[in-house]
């Protein structure tokens, strides 16, 4: 009889123990423990999604809004410049396959850091450039990369890109996700008419 009771009870005890272990394991905002987040603002988020999407080790790139005070903002609200948010991209990546320094390099080479509250044809605080760091290591690396640019002599004026703590990130509406794939002609038309590639060539060539 004791063996029968034990046979019935043991699976339940094991299940409870496993459940407690997983319940106590720290979770990082829904991101698996081996992955990390990086968040950047570089003007139009359609144009910032594309270069990161192509990197090996990047799991996902999500256009959205961050850095402001309005909860759950809409695209129209952010576009008005009254929410404090900037159009941004949040990247989930595997640091074993792509380093944060590589993400920083891609970020810098896809923005114009010589202008304030503007990127190419888009103007306003919602189009400012910023690095939103998620921990002290990201902060250190971001500040080092910015100092290196300032000392390089490439730019005559200051580098206006902000380096600030990451805050609540709000994914943009579904029609903004992977826009460059869903609407390739409109995307290329906007990018060309905004002068993005022409200016990037001037800044970084």
Protein backbone atom coordinates (compact mmCIF):
# COMPACT_ATOMS: atom_id res chain seq x y z
CA UNK A 1 0.00 0.00 0.00
CA UNK A 2 2.86 2.41 0.88
CA UNK A 3 4.52 1.74 -2.48
CA UNK A 4 1.26 2.48 -4.28
CA UNK A 5 0.84 5.77 -2.42
CA UNK A 6 4.46 6.70 -3.16
CA UNK A 7 4.02 5.93 -6.85
CA UNK A 8 1.05 8.28 -6.99
CA UNK A 9 2.57 11.06 -4.88
CA UNK A 10 6.10 11.16 -6.32
CA UNK A 11 5.17 12.65 -9.73
CA UNK A 12 3.15 15.39 -8.05
CA UNK A 13 6.05 16.24 -5.71
CA UNK A 14 8.49 16.38 -8.62
CA UNK A 15 6.16 18.60 -10.64
CA UNK A 16 5.79 20.98 -7.69
CA UNK A 17 9.56 21.16 -7.21
CA UNK A 18 10.19 21.88 -10.89
CA UNK A 19 7.50 24.55 -10.86
CA UNK A 20 9.10 26.27 -7.89
CA UNK A 21 12.53 26.29 -9.55
CA UNK A 22 11.20 27.92 -12.70
CA UNK A 23 9.05 30.35 -10.72
CA UNK A 24 12.14 31.57 -8.84
CA UNK A 25 14.32 31.87 -11.96
CA UNK A 26 14.68 35.55 -12.89
CA UNK A 27 13.10 36.58 -16.17
CA UNK A 28 14.25 39.62 -18.18
CA UNK A 29 11.20 41.38 -19.58
CA UNK A 30 10.15 38.34 -21.58
CA UNK A 31 13.63 37.95 -23.16
CA UNK A 32 15.33 34.53 -22.72
CA UNK A 33 18.35 34.79 -20.38
CA UNK A 34 20.90 34.20 -23.16
CA UNK A 35 19.57 37.14 -25.19
CA UNK A 36 19.96 40.89 -24.68
CA UNK A 37 18.14 44.08 -25.70
CA UNK A 38 19.44 47.19 -27.43
CA UNK A 39 17.40 50.30 -28.17
CA UNK A 40 18.27 53.11 -30.60
CA UNK A 41 16.56 56.17 -32.05
CA UNK A 42 17.75 57.27 -35.47
CA UNK A 43 14.94 59.12 -37.13
CA UNK A 44 12.39 57.20 -39.21
CA UNK A 45 12.11 53.74 -37.67
CA UNK A 46 11.31 52.14 -41.05
CA UNK A 47 14.83 53.02 -42.14
CA UNK A 48 16.49 51.92 -38.89
CA UNK A 49 14.87 48.48 -38.85
CA UNK A 50 16.39 47.34 -42.13
CA UNK A 51 20.16 47.49 -41.34
CA UNK A 52 19.81 45.64 -38.02
CA UNK A 53 17.48 43.03 -39.50
CA UNK A 54 20.29 41.81 -41.73
CA UNK A 55 22.82 41.16 -38.94
CA UNK A 56 23.63 37.60 -37.91
CA UNK A 57 22.79 37.17 -34.24
CA UNK A 58 19.88 39.61 -34.29
CA UNK A 59 16.70 37.76 -33.30
CA UNK A 60 14.18 40.56 -33.82
CA UNK A 61 13.89 44.29 -34.55
CA UNK A 62 10.77 46.11 -33.40
CA UNK A 63 9.96 49.69 -34.42
CA UNK A 64 8.30 51.67 -31.66
CA UNK A 65 8.32 54.67 -29.36
CA UNK A 66 10.34 55.43 -26.23
CA UNK A 67 11.94 58.21 -24.23
CA UNK A 68 8.77 60.18 -23.57
CA UNK A 69 6.01 60.59 -21.01
CA UNK A 70 2.83 59.48 -22.81
CA UNK A 71 1.69 55.94 -22.06
CA UNK A 72 0.71 53.77 -25.02
CA UNK A 73 1.18 56.53 -27.60
CA UNK A 74 -0.14 56.29 -31.13
CA UNK A 75 1.85 57.12 -34.25
CA UNK A 76 -0.17 60.29 -34.74
CA UNK A 77 0.54 61.43 -31.17
CA UNK A 78 4.26 60.78 -31.47
CA UNK A 79 4.36 62.50 -34.86
CA UNK A 80 2.85 65.62 -33.32
CA UNK A 81 5.97 66.02 -31.17
CA UNK A 82 4.01 66.39 -27.93
CA UNK A 83 4.69 63.02 -26.27
CA UNK A 84 8.44 63.31 -25.70
CA UNK A 85 8.89 59.96 -27.43
CA UNK A 86 11.28 59.31 -30.28
CA UNK A 87 10.74 56.89 -33.14
CA UNK A 88 13.01 54.02 -32.15
CA UNK A 89 13.90 50.40 -32.73
CA UNK A 90 14.33 47.76 -30.06
CA UNK A 91 16.63 44.90 -30.94
CA UNK A 92 16.75 41.48 -29.32
CA UNK A 93 20.10 39.87 -30.03
CA UNK A 94 22.39 37.01 -29.07
CA UNK A 95 25.61 38.48 -27.61
CA UNK A 96 27.39 35.21 -28.39
CA UNK A 97 26.87 35.92 -32.10
CA UNK A 98 26.89 39.72 -32.37
CA UNK A 99 28.56 42.16 -29.98
CA UNK A 100 26.91 45.33 -28.70
CA UNK A 101 29.85 47.24 -30.18
CA UNK A 102 28.82 45.95 -33.62
CA UNK A 103 25.28 47.21 -33.05
CA UNK A 104 26.70 50.60 -32.08
CA UNK A 105 28.77 50.69 -35.26
CA UNK A 106 25.73 49.93 -37.41
CA UNK A 107 23.72 52.55 -35.52
CA UNK A 108 26.26 55.34 -36.03
CA UNK A 109 26.69 54.60 -39.73
CA UNK A 110 22.93 54.86 -40.33
CA UNK A 111 22.37 58.28 -38.74
CA UNK A 112 23.59 61.85 -39.09
CA UNK A 113 24.82 62.70 -35.57
CA UNK A 114 25.69 66.29 -36.51
CA UNK A 115 22.12 67.61 -36.31
CA UNK A 116 19.82 68.05 -33.31
CA UNK A 117 16.16 67.02 -33.25
CA UNK A 118 16.27 66.13 -36.92
CA UNK A 119 17.17 63.30 -39.24
CA UNK A 120 17.32 64.07 -42.94
CA UNK A 121 13.92 65.44 -44.07
CA UNK A 122 12.21 64.74 -40.72
CA UNK A 123 12.35 67.39 -38.01
CA UNK A 124 11.25 67.49 -34.37
CA UNK A 125 12.24 65.87 -31.09
CA UNK A 126 10.49 62.69 -32.20
CA UNK A 127 13.28 62.31 -34.79
CA UNK A 128 16.22 62.92 -32.44
CA UNK A 129 19.04 60.41 -32.27
CA UNK A 130 19.61 58.52 -29.04
CA UNK A 131 21.16 55.41 -27.54
CA UNK A 132 18.97 54.02 -24.77
CA UNK A 133 21.22 51.83 -22.60
CA UNK A 134 19.85 48.85 -20.67
CA UNK A 135 22.77 48.37 -18.26
CA UNK A 136 26.02 49.98 -17.17
CA UNK A 137 28.08 48.04 -19.72
CA UNK A 138 25.98 49.33 -22.60
CA UNK A 139 26.29 52.84 -21.16
CA UNK A 140 30.08 52.54 -20.98
CA UNK A 141 30.42 51.22 -24.52
CA UNK A 142 28.04 53.83 -25.92
CA UNK A 143 29.91 56.69 -24.24
CA UNK A 144 33.25 55.32 -25.45
CA UNK A 145 31.99 55.10 -29.03
CA UNK A 146 30.64 58.66 -28.89
CA UNK A 147 33.92 60.01 -27.49
CA UNK A 148 35.85 58.20 -30.21
CA UNK A 149 33.70 59.90 -32.86
CA UNK A 150 34.14 63.31 -31.27
CA UNK A 151 37.93 62.88 -31.17
CA UNK A 152 38.17 61.47 -34.67
CA UNK A 153 37.98 64.88 -36.31
CA UNK A 154 35.39 63.63 -38.77
CA UNK A 155 32.83 66.22 -37.66
CA UNK A 156 33.38 69.94 -37.30
CA UNK A 157 30.62 70.39 -34.75
CA UNK A 158 29.34 68.41 -31.76
CA UNK A 159 27.79 64.94 -31.82
CA UNK A 160 24.21 65.53 -30.71
CA UNK A 161 23.20 61.90 -30.08
CA UNK A 162 21.87 61.39 -26.55
CA UNK A 163 22.96 58.51 -24.33
CA UNK A 164 20.19 57.95 -21.79
CA UNK A 165 18.70 55.11 -19.71
CA UNK A 166 16.18 52.88 -21.46
CA UNK A 167 12.59 53.37 -20.37
CA UNK A 168 9.24 51.85 -21.33
CA UNK A 169 9.25 50.85 -24.99
CA UNK A 170 5.95 50.83 -26.89
CA UNK A 171 5.86 48.79 -30.12
CA UNK A 172 4.48 50.74 -33.05
CA UNK A 173 1.27 49.77 -34.83
CA UNK A 174 1.39 46.57 -36.86
CA UNK A 175 1.49 48.33 -40.23
CA UNK A 176 4.84 49.89 -39.24
CA UNK A 177 6.43 46.52 -38.47
CA UNK A 178 8.70 45.32 -41.31
CA UNK A 179 7.45 48.19 -43.46
CA UNK A 180 10.42 47.92 -45.80
CA UNK A 181 9.36 44.35 -46.60
CA UNK A 182 5.62 44.95 -46.78
CA UNK A 183 5.84 48.11 -48.90
CA UNK A 184 9.25 48.03 -50.64
CA UNK A 185 8.40 50.56 -53.36
CA UNK A 186 6.92 53.13 -50.96
CA UNK A 187 9.82 52.54 -48.56
CA UNK A 188 12.46 53.16 -51.24
CA UNK A 189 10.54 56.18 -52.55
CA UNK A 190 10.38 57.74 -49.07
CA UNK A 191 14.02 56.96 -48.31
CA UNK A 192 15.23 58.49 -51.57
CA UNK A 193 13.07 61.61 -51.36
CA UNK A 194 14.09 62.16 -47.75
CA UNK A 195 17.72 62.27 -48.89
CA UNK A 196 18.80 59.70 -46.34
CA UNK A 197 21.30 57.73 -48.39
CA UNK A 198 22.69 60.83 -50.06
CA UNK A 199 23.42 62.45 -46.69
CA UNK A 200 24.79 59.24 -45.14
CA UNK A 201 27.24 59.03 -48.02
CA UNK A 202 28.39 62.60 -47.34
CA UNK A 203 28.74 61.99 -43.59
CA UNK A 204 30.40 58.58 -43.58
CA UNK A 205 32.15 57.98 -46.88
